[in-house]
Amino acid sequence: MKRRGAWIHTGQAKTAQAICIPLGDKALEVLKNQMSKHLTRVFNYQGNPVSKAEKWAWLKALKRAAIENFRWHDLKHAWARW
């Protein structure tokens, strides 16, 4: 939080090198709001830690946000371009 970045550890990165993803003000605000909801995990659903993104959850989130024609993989392409 102090460095305003999220880290992808070497074991999770495709290149086996740690990656820091810069976080903007809104992202930091969301993370701070989530911190009090679970002792060890940032993201949870109904009190249970989220360990992976399920397709049904992704589709429901897109519907709630009124986002159409968007795939999970599109996030990877957007991040790579930035």
C-alpha atoms as a PDB file:
ATOM      1  CA  MET A   1       0.000   0.000   0.000  1.00  0.00           C
ATOM      2  CA  LYS A   2       2.796   2.421   0.861  1.00  0.00           C
ATOM      3  CA  ARG A   3       4.497   1.796  -2.480  1.00  0.00           C
ATOM      4  CA  ARG A   4       1.161   2.091  -4.331  1.00  0.00           C
ATOM      5  CA  GLY A   5       1.696  -1.193  -6.145  1.00  0.00           C
ATOM      6  CA  ALA A   6       0.542  -4.802  -6.294  1.00  0.00           C
ATOM      7  CA  TRP A   7       3.187  -7.480  -6.669  1.00  0.00           C
ATOM      8  CA  ILE A   8       3.072 -10.603  -8.808  1.00  0.00           C
ATOM      9  CA  HIS A   9       5.564 -12.963  -7.169  1.00  0.00           C
ATOM     10  CA  THR A  10       8.129 -14.921  -9.173  1.00  0.00           C
ATOM     11  CA  GLY A  11       6.217 -18.197  -8.831  1.00  0.00           C
ATOM     12  CA  GLN A  12       3.105 -16.615 -10.341  1.00  0.00           C
ATOM     13  CA  ALA A  13       4.766 -14.675 -13.175  1.00  0.00           C
ATOM     14  CA  LYS A  14       5.188 -16.149 -16.617  1.00  0.00           C
ATOM     15  CA  THR A  15       8.791 -14.881 -16.835  1.00  0.00           C
ATOM     16  CA  ALA A  16       9.663 -16.047 -13.282  1.00  0.00           C
ATOM     17  CA  GLN A  17      10.491 -12.439 -12.377  1.00  0.00           C
ATOM     18  CA  ALA A  18       8.565 -10.368  -9.831  1.00  0.00           C
ATOM     19  CA  ILE A  19       6.353  -7.695 -11.383  1.00  0.00           C
ATOM     20  CA  CYS A  20       5.024  -4.566  -9.691  1.00  0.00           C
ATOM     21  CA  ILE A  21       1.708  -3.262 -11.005  1.00  0.00           C
ATOM     22  CA  PRO A  22       1.193   0.423 -10.141  1.00  0.00           C
ATOM     23  CA  LEU A  23      -2.103   1.177  -8.367  1.00  0.00           C
ATOM     24  CA  GLY A  24      -4.070   4.384  -8.762  1.00  0.00           C
ATOM     25  CA  ASP A  25      -6.073   6.185  -6.095  1.00  0.00           C
ATOM     26  CA  LYS A  26      -9.326   4.322  -6.838  1.00  0.00           C
ATOM     27  CA  ALA A  27      -7.639   0.905  -6.726  1.00  0.00           C
ATOM     28  CA  LEU A  28      -6.004   1.751  -3.396  1.00  0.00           C
ATOM     29  CA  GLU A  29      -9.353   2.931  -2.029  1.00  0.00           C
ATOM     30  CA  VAL A  30     -11.024  -0.354  -3.037  1.00  0.00           C
ATOM     31  CA  LEU A  31      -8.232  -2.384  -1.438  1.00  0.00           C
ATOM     32  CA  LYS A  32      -8.375  -0.370   1.801  1.00  0.00           C
ATOM     33  CA  ASN A  33     -12.133  -0.931   2.017  1.00  0.00           C
ATOM     34  CA  GLN A  34     -11.643  -4.684   1.551  1.00  0.00           C
ATOM     35  CA  MET A  35      -8.915  -5.051   4.186  1.00  0.00           C
ATOM     36  CA  SER A  36     -11.295  -5.204   7.149  1.00  0.00           C
ATOM     37  CA  LYS A  37     -13.520  -7.916   5.648  1.00  0.00           C
ATOM     38  CA  HIS A  38     -11.159 -10.881   6.100  1.00  0.00           C
ATOM     39  CA  LEU A  39      -8.090 -11.494   8.258  1.00  0.00           C
ATOM     40  CA  THR A  40      -5.731 -12.810   5.573  1.00  0.00           C
ATOM     41  CA  ARG A  41      -7.393 -12.277   2.178  1.00  0.00           C
ATOM     42  CA  VAL A  42      -8.259  -9.064   0.373  1.00  0.00           C
ATOM     43  CA  PHE A  43     -11.006 -10.481  -1.816  1.00  0.00           C
ATOM     44  CA  ASN A  44     -13.820 -12.577  -0.401  1.00  0.00           C
ATOM     45  CA  TYR A  45     -17.387 -13.493  -1.187  1.00  0.00           C
ATOM     46  CA  GLN A  46     -19.875 -13.904   1.643  1.00  0.00           C
ATOM     47  CA  GLY A  47     -16.993 -14.212   4.115  1.00  0.00           C
ATOM     48  CA  ASN A  48     -15.118 -16.879   2.144  1.00  0.00           C
ATOM     49  CA  PRO A  49     -11.776 -16.088   0.488  1.00  0.00           C
ATOM     50  CA  VAL A  50     -11.779 -15.935  -3.308  1.00  0.00           C
ATOM     51  CA  SER A  51      -8.946 -18.082  -4.634  1.00  0.00           C
ATOM     52  CA  LYS A  52      -9.816 -18.008  -8.327  1.00  0.00           C
ATOM     53  CA  ALA A  53     -12.222 -16.197 -10.623  1.00  0.00           C
ATOM     54  CA  GLU A  54     -15.027 -18.463 -11.733  1.00  0.00           C
ATOM     55  CA  LYS A  55     -16.699 -17.860 -15.079  1.00  0.00           C
ATOM     56  CA  TRP A  56     -20.162 -17.479 -13.548  1.00  0.00           C
ATOM     57  CA  ALA A  57     -18.906 -14.849 -11.108  1.00  0.00           C
ATOM     58  CA  TRP A  58     -17.231 -12.936 -13.930  1.00  0.00           C
ATOM     59  CA  LEU A  59     -20.420 -12.991 -16.019  1.00  0.00           C
ATOM     60  CA  LYS A  60     -22.536 -11.820 -13.068  1.00  0.00           C
ATOM     61  CA  ALA A  61     -20.106  -8.979 -12.342  1.00  0.00           C
ATOM     62  CA  LEU A  62     -20.197  -7.856 -15.979  1.00  0.00           C
ATOM     63  CA  LYS A  63     -23.993  -7.887 -15.923  1.00  0.00           C
ATOM     64  CA  ARG A  64     -24.157  -5.857 -12.682  1.00  0.00           C
ATOM     65  CA  ALA A  65     -21.722  -3.328 -14.156  1.00  0.00           C
ATOM     66  CA  ALA A  66     -23.688  -3.199 -17.440  1.00  0.00           C
ATOM     67  CA  ILE A  67     -20.575  -4.163 -19.434  1.00  0.00           C
ATOM     68  CA  GLU A  68     -21.170  -5.997 -22.693  1.00  0.00           C
ATOM     69  CA  ASN A  69     -18.854  -7.849 -25.087  1.00  0.00           C
ATOM     70  CA  PHE A  70     -15.928  -8.060 -22.679  1.00  0.00           C
ATOM     71  CA  ARG A  71     -13.832 -11.115 -21.902  1.00  0.00           C
ATOM     72  CA  TRP A  72     -11.496 -11.868 -18.968  1.00  0.00           C
ATOM     73  CA  HIS A  73      -8.657 -12.192 -21.480  1.00  0.00           C
ATOM     74  CA  ASP A  74      -9.266  -8.584 -22.628  1.00  0.00           C
ATOM     75  CA  LEU A  75      -7.788  -7.420 -19.309  1.00  0.00           C
ATOM     76  CA  LYS A  76      -4.497  -9.089 -20.172  1.00  0.00           C
ATOM     77  CA  HIS A  77      -4.359  -7.321 -23.516  1.00  0.00           C
ATOM     78  CA  ALA A  78      -5.201  -3.947 -21.986  1.00  0.00           C
ATOM     79  CA  TRP A  79      -2.523  -4.357 -19.302  1.00  0.00           C
ATOM     80  CA  ALA A  80       0.102  -5.412 -21.855  1.00  0.00           C
ATOM     81  CA  ARG A  81      -0.629  -2.348 -24.028  1.00  0.00           C
ATOM     82  CA  TRP A  82      -0.314   0.014 -21.059  1.00  0.00           C
END
